[in-house]
Structure formats: C-alpha cells, structure tokens
C-alpha cells in the first residue's frame, strides 16, 4: 500500500493538510468554489487562471480565495 504524503498549507486563514504536490486547480475543485466568481491568490500574488493546473502547492503556501461581490 502506497502512503500519501501530506503537507500543511494555509487556506483562507486556516491551516489545512493536503496531499503533497496537489495542483492549485485540484485544491480549488475540492473546495467546490465556482472558478468564474473568484480570484485566487498564492503567497500574496494573484494567479492567472490558465496557470492553476500547472502550479503544485508546497509546504507552508498561503492560498486565498477571494469572492467577487457586486454592489452599487
């Protein structure tokens, strides 16, 4: 049986454990957040949506999912 390595990251201010080398896209997918209505920030930098599947998360990364809110 293969052991899955876990790493700790900060997601929206809370520490969570995730599978090592998971992509940012797969993390967002697991949160069930609609990608079209959010901006993704990794270590205080906005991430281009086209790059989400290419970025593998590392130990102590900080991910913020920012929801767009309409107003008038």
Protein backbone atom coordinates (compact mmCIF):
# COMPACT_ATOMS: atom_id res chain seq x y z
CA UNK A 1 0.00 0.00 0.00
CA UNK A 2 1.32 3.41 -1.02
CA UNK A 3 1.45 6.07 1.67
CA UNK A 4 0.18 9.52 0.64
CA UNK A 5 2.40 12.33 1.89
CA UNK A 6 0.60 15.29 3.41
CA UNK A 7 1.71 18.89 3.68
CA UNK A 8 0.31 21.81 5.65
CA UNK A 9 -0.84 24.98 3.88
CA UNK A 10 -2.90 27.98 4.88
CA UNK A 11 -6.22 28.31 3.04
CA UNK A 12 -8.23 31.47 3.69
CA UNK A 13 -6.51 31.97 7.05
CA UNK A 14 -6.86 28.37 8.31
CA UNK A 15 -4.20 25.68 8.31
CA UNK A 16 -5.19 22.50 6.50
CA UNK A 17 -3.40 19.32 5.47
CA UNK A 18 -3.48 18.36 1.82
CA UNK A 19 -1.88 15.79 -0.43
CA UNK A 20 1.71 16.69 -1.32
CA UNK A 21 2.17 18.08 -4.87
CA UNK A 22 -1.55 18.67 -5.45
CA UNK A 23 -2.20 21.35 -8.05
CA UNK A 24 -3.85 24.61 -7.18
CA UNK A 25 -6.65 23.71 -9.62
CA UNK A 26 -7.39 20.45 -7.77
CA UNK A 27 -7.44 22.24 -4.42
CA UNK A 28 -9.96 24.78 -5.73
CA UNK A 29 -12.02 21.95 -7.24
CA UNK A 30 -12.15 20.20 -3.84
CA UNK A 31 -13.48 23.37 -2.20
CA UNK A 32 -16.35 23.41 -4.74
CA UNK A 33 -15.89 27.13 -5.33
CA UNK A 34 -17.04 28.33 -8.78
CA UNK A 35 -13.83 29.46 -10.50
CA UNK A 36 -15.59 32.13 -12.56
CA UNK A 37 -16.63 34.03 -9.45
CA UNK A 38 -13.33 34.15 -7.55
CA UNK A 39 -9.76 35.38 -7.73
CA UNK A 40 -7.01 33.10 -6.48
CA UNK A 41 -4.05 34.45 -4.55
CA UNK A 42 -0.97 32.33 -3.83
CA UNK A 43 1.56 33.73 -1.37
CA UNK A 44 0.13 37.24 -1.82
CA UNK A 45 0.20 37.19 -5.65
CA UNK A 46 -2.82 36.87 -7.94
CA UNK A 47 -2.62 33.71 -10.03
CA UNK A 48 -3.59 33.63 -13.71
CA UNK A 49 -6.41 31.07 -14.13
CA UNK A 50 -4.56 29.46 -17.04
CA UNK A 51 -1.75 28.53 -14.64
CA UNK A 52 -3.89 26.84 -11.95
CA UNK A 53 -3.30 23.34 -13.30
CA UNK A 54 0.47 23.88 -13.57
CA UNK A 55 1.13 25.17 -10.04
CA UNK A 56 1.87 22.46 -7.46
CA UNK A 57 1.39 23.52 -3.87
CA UNK A 58 4.28 23.32 -1.43
CA UNK A 59 4.54 23.18 2.35
CA UNK A 60 3.53 26.46 4.04
CA UNK A 61 1.99 28.00 0.90
CA UNK A 62 -0.74 30.56 1.61
CA UNK A 63 -3.81 30.39 -0.62
CA UNK A 64 -6.60 32.96 -0.52
CA UNK A 65 -9.82 32.52 -2.48
CA UNK A 66 -11.40 35.93 -2.92
CA UNK A 67 -15.07 36.07 -3.93
CA UNK A 68 -16.32 38.86 -6.15
CA UNK A 69 -19.17 40.83 -4.61
CA UNK A 70 -21.42 43.05 -6.68
CA UNK A 71 -22.74 46.31 -5.42
CA UNK A 72 -23.98 49.64 -6.43
